[in-house]
């Protein structure tokens, strides 16, 4: 009986977590930071990203982000 209660509690916790994550994504948009207008494209730069970058951005990273969705990379790439 205790195992059944533990399984039910685990399932309830998992469902609550999935609901929380879904609300978080739906509220904010996938790639947009809080306060950014959700539209066709986000603003350039790491401050406009929904997730913080894993490393410090270089000038090349910034230029690549600013040129997206253009087909050509920056000249100094």
Protein backbone atom coordinates (compact mmCIF):
# COMPACT_ATOMS: atom_id res chain seq x y z
CA UNK A 1 0.00 0.00 0.00
CA UNK A 2 2.85 2.38 0.82
CA UNK A 3 4.42 1.68 -2.58
CA UNK A 4 1.14 2.58 -4.30
CA UNK A 5 0.95 5.87 -2.38
CA UNK A 6 4.56 6.64 -3.27
CA UNK A 7 3.89 5.94 -6.96
CA UNK A 8 0.78 8.17 -6.91
CA UNK A 9 2.72 10.97 -5.23
CA UNK A 10 5.50 10.65 -7.81
CA UNK A 11 3.00 10.76 -10.68
CA UNK A 12 1.33 13.83 -9.20
CA UNK A 13 4.70 15.57 -8.79
CA UNK A 14 5.66 14.76 -12.37
CA UNK A 15 2.34 16.06 -13.71
CA UNK A 16 2.76 19.27 -11.70
CA UNK A 17 6.29 19.75 -13.04
CA UNK A 18 5.18 19.24 -16.66
CA UNK A 19 2.32 21.72 -16.17
CA UNK A 20 4.74 24.28 -14.71
CA UNK A 21 7.18 23.89 -17.62
CA UNK A 22 4.38 24.18 -20.21
CA UNK A 23 3.09 27.38 -18.63
CA UNK A 24 6.60 28.82 -18.50
CA UNK A 25 7.19 28.21 -22.22
CA UNK A 26 3.74 29.35 -23.34
CA UNK A 27 3.95 32.56 -21.30
CA UNK A 28 7.33 33.62 -22.61
CA UNK A 29 7.82 32.16 -26.06
CA UNK A 30 10.61 29.76 -26.84
CA UNK A 31 13.60 32.00 -27.60
CA UNK A 32 12.54 35.31 -26.07
CA UNK A 33 13.71 36.81 -22.77
CA UNK A 34 11.20 38.22 -20.29
CA UNK A 35 9.99 41.62 -21.48
CA UNK A 36 10.80 40.95 -25.14
CA UNK A 37 7.96 41.31 -27.63
CA UNK A 38 7.11 37.86 -28.97
CA UNK A 39 7.01 38.20 -32.75
CA UNK A 40 8.61 36.81 -35.86
CA UNK A 41 12.18 37.55 -34.69
CA UNK A 42 13.78 38.38 -31.36
CA UNK A 43 16.15 41.28 -30.77
CA UNK A 44 19.86 40.55 -31.26
CA UNK A 45 22.20 39.95 -28.36
CA UNK A 46 22.48 37.63 -25.38
CA UNK A 47 20.23 39.84 -23.21
CA UNK A 48 17.31 39.11 -25.55
CA UNK A 49 17.73 35.32 -25.31
CA UNK A 50 15.44 33.17 -23.20
CA UNK A 51 18.37 31.13 -21.87
CA UNK A 52 21.67 32.63 -20.79
CA UNK A 53 24.60 31.79 -23.08
CA UNK A 54 26.93 29.08 -21.76
CA UNK A 55 30.05 31.17 -22.46
CA UNK A 56 30.95 34.81 -22.90
CA UNK A 57 29.92 36.22 -26.27
CA UNK A 58 32.56 37.41 -28.72
CA UNK A 59 32.18 40.15 -31.30
CA UNK A 60 31.71 37.44 -33.94
CA UNK A 61 28.88 35.85 -31.92
CA UNK A 62 27.17 39.24 -31.72
CA UNK A 63 27.55 39.90 -35.46
CA UNK A 64 26.24 36.45 -36.37
CA UNK A 65 23.22 36.96 -34.13
CA UNK A 66 22.56 40.41 -35.63
CA UNK A 67 22.75 39.05 -39.20
CA UNK A 68 20.26 36.20 -38.61
CA UNK A 69 18.22 35.16 -40.71
CA UNK A 70 20.41 36.49 -43.53
CA UNK A 71 22.08 33.88 -45.69
CA UNK A 72 25.57 35.42 -45.59
CA UNK A 73 27.81 35.46 -42.50
CA UNK A 74 29.55 38.68 -41.41
CA UNK A 75 32.63 39.65 -43.42
CA UNK A 76 35.04 39.03 -40.53
CA UNK A 77 33.79 35.54 -39.71
